[in-house]
Every structure is written in structure tokens, then in C-alpha cells.
N, C-alpha and C. Protein backbone atom coordinates (compact mmCIF):
# COMPACT_ATOMS: atom_id res chain seq x y z
N UNK A 1 0.77 -1.10 -0.28
CA UNK A 1 0.11 -0.31 0.09
C UNK A 1 1.43 1.86 -0.17
N UNK A 2 1.66 1.33 1.26
CA UNK A 2 2.72 2.26 0.56
C UNK A 2 3.58 3.06 -0.08
N UNK A 3 3.90 1.47 -1.24
CA UNK A 3 4.29 1.59 -2.72
C UNK A 3 3.85 2.23 -3.27
N UNK A 4 2.57 1.62 -3.55
CA UNK A 4 1.31 2.55 -4.47
C UNK A 4 1.16 3.92 -3.91
N UNK A 5 0.92 5.00 -2.57
CA UNK A 5 1.55 5.52 -2.47
C UNK A 5 1.87 6.00 -2.53
N UNK A 6 3.58 5.92 -3.09
CA UNK A 6 4.24 7.05 -3.16
C UNK A 6 4.20 7.89 -4.75
N UNK A 7 4.01 6.22 -5.61
CA UNK A 7 3.74 5.97 -7.00
C UNK A 7 2.78 7.48 -7.17
N UNK A 8 1.90 7.33 -6.66
CA UNK A 8 0.78 7.59 -6.91
C UNK A 8 0.74 9.58 -6.70
N UNK A 9 1.30 9.28 -5.46
CA UNK A 9 2.15 10.84 -4.58
C UNK A 9 2.96 11.56 -5.79
N UNK A 10 4.06 10.44 -7.01
CA UNK A 10 5.05 11.08 -7.83
C UNK A 10 3.97 11.35 -8.75
N UNK A 11 3.32 10.63 -8.99
CA UNK A 11 2.48 11.29 -10.64
C UNK A 11 2.00 12.69 -10.35
N UNK A 12 1.58 12.64 -9.11
CA UNK A 12 0.02 13.50 -8.68
C UNK A 12 1.48 15.01 -9.16
N UNK A 13 2.88 14.77 -8.33
CA UNK A 13 3.78 16.02 -8.24
C UNK A 13 3.64 16.32 -9.32
N UNK A 14 4.36 14.91 -10.62
CA UNK A 14 5.01 15.12 -12.41
C UNK A 14 4.23 16.57 -12.49
N UNK A 15 2.73 15.80 -12.43
CA UNK A 15 0.82 16.05 -12.06
C UNK A 15 1.62 17.82 -12.16
N UNK A 16 1.94 18.39 -11.62
CA UNK A 16 1.42 18.81 -11.29
C UNK A 16 2.44 20.18 -11.32
N UNK A 17 3.93 19.12 -11.52
CA UNK A 17 5.17 20.26 -12.37
C UNK A 17 4.56 20.99 -14.19
N UNK A 18 4.59 19.55 -15.40
CA UNK A 18 4.24 20.44 -15.63
C UNK A 18 2.49 20.50 -15.76
N UNK A 19 2.04 21.42 -15.22
CA UNK A 19 0.41 22.17 -15.14
C UNK A 19 1.42 23.44 -15.00
N UNK A 20 2.14 23.57 -13.88
CA UNK A 20 2.83 24.65 -13.34
C UNK A 20 2.98 25.36 -14.87
N UNK A 21 4.17 24.57 -15.46
CA UNK A 21 4.84 24.90 -16.59
C UNK A 21 4.11 24.94 -17.96
N UNK A 22 2.49 24.50 -17.64
CA UNK A 22 2.25 25.08 -18.83
C UNK A 22 1.35 25.77 -18.72
N UNK A 23 0.93 25.95 -17.55
CA UNK A 23 0.59 27.99 -16.68
C UNK A 23 1.18 29.21 -17.20
N UNK A 24 2.67 29.43 -16.16
CA UNK A 24 3.31 29.95 -17.07
C UNK A 24 3.70 30.30 -18.32
N UNK A 25 3.73 28.99 -19.34
CA UNK A 25 3.83 29.24 -20.55
C UNK A 25 2.92 30.23 -20.75
N UNK A 26 1.75 29.66 -20.58
CA UNK A 26 0.21 30.41 -21.55
C UNK A 26 0.23 31.53 -21.28
N UNK A 27 1.05 31.84 -19.39
CA UNK A 27 1.17 33.33 -19.05
C UNK A 27 2.54 34.58 -19.82
N UNK A 28 2.94 33.97 -19.87
CA UNK A 28 4.36 34.41 -20.91
C UNK A 28 3.57 34.65 -21.96
N UNK A 29 3.01 33.80 -23.03
CA UNK A 29 3.07 33.98 -24.20
C UNK A 29 1.52 34.98 -24.74
N UNK A 30 0.53 35.53 -23.61
CA UNK A 30 -0.69 35.69 -23.00
C UNK A 30 0.21 37.45 -24.00
N UNK A 31 0.77 37.48 -22.05
CA UNK A 31 1.93 38.58 -21.94
C UNK A 31 2.13 39.36 -23.91
N UNK A 32 2.76 38.61 -24.28
CA UNK A 32 3.52 38.66 -25.29
C UNK A 32 1.90 38.89 -26.64
N UNK A 33 1.06 37.95 -26.66
CA UNK A 33 -0.22 38.30 -27.32
C UNK A 33 -0.44 39.74 -26.81
N UNK A 34 -0.75 40.39 -25.58
CA UNK A 34 -1.45 42.14 -25.55
C UNK A 34 -0.26 42.07 -25.96
N UNK A 35 1.55 42.04 -26.33
CA UNK A 35 2.18 43.62 -26.93
C UNK A 35 2.18 43.63 -27.89
N UNK A 36 2.04 42.46 -28.71
CA UNK A 36 2.03 42.09 -30.28
C UNK A 36 0.03 43.55 -30.25
N UNK A 37 -0.73 43.23 -29.93
CA UNK A 37 -1.76 43.07 -29.88
C UNK A 37 -1.53 45.47 -29.43
N UNK A 38 -1.11 45.96 -28.13
CA UNK A 38 -0.69 46.69 -28.48
C UNK A 38 0.17 47.13 -29.78
N UNK A 39 0.83 47.54 -29.96
CA UNK A 39 2.30 47.47 -31.21
C UNK A 39 0.65 47.79 -32.68
N UNK A 40 -0.14 46.44 -32.56
CA UNK A 40 -0.51 46.55 -34.24
C UNK A 40 -1.57 47.88 -33.69
N UNK A 41 -2.54 47.68 -32.75
CA UNK A 41 -3.20 49.08 -32.41
C UNK A 41 -2.43 51.31 -32.58
N UNK A 42 -1.42 50.48 -32.56
CA UNK A 42 -0.24 51.31 -32.64
C UNK A 42 0.06 51.82 -33.83
N UNK A 43 0.13 50.75 -34.40
CA UNK A 43 0.36 50.59 -36.25
C UNK A 43 -1.21 51.26 -36.45
N UNK A 44 -2.41 51.19 -36.42
CA UNK A 44 -3.47 51.37 -37.19
C UNK A 44 -3.60 52.84 -36.75
N UNK A 45 -3.19 52.52 -35.18
CA UNK A 45 -4.60 54.22 -35.20
C UNK A 45 -2.92 55.66 -34.77
């Protein structure tokens, strides 16, 4: 049972790590997207 708990815990840990990486990646991309939108608007007006 302990072995099972340990393996599922490590799976949860790696999953949360992946989610963390994904969310930081997404927020970085959103910032770049906002910057692009601002530049685009600057070109337009």
C-alpha cells in the first residue's frame, strides 16, 4: 500500500509540475499577445 501511495504521489507531483510549466508558458504567451495587440493598435491609429 505504501508503495502504491508513493507512486501515485510522485505522479501527482509530476502532473502539478507540468501544469505549473504550462500555466507559466501560457501567461508568457498571453503577455506577448497583449504586447503584439498594443503594437498593432499603434500601427492602426
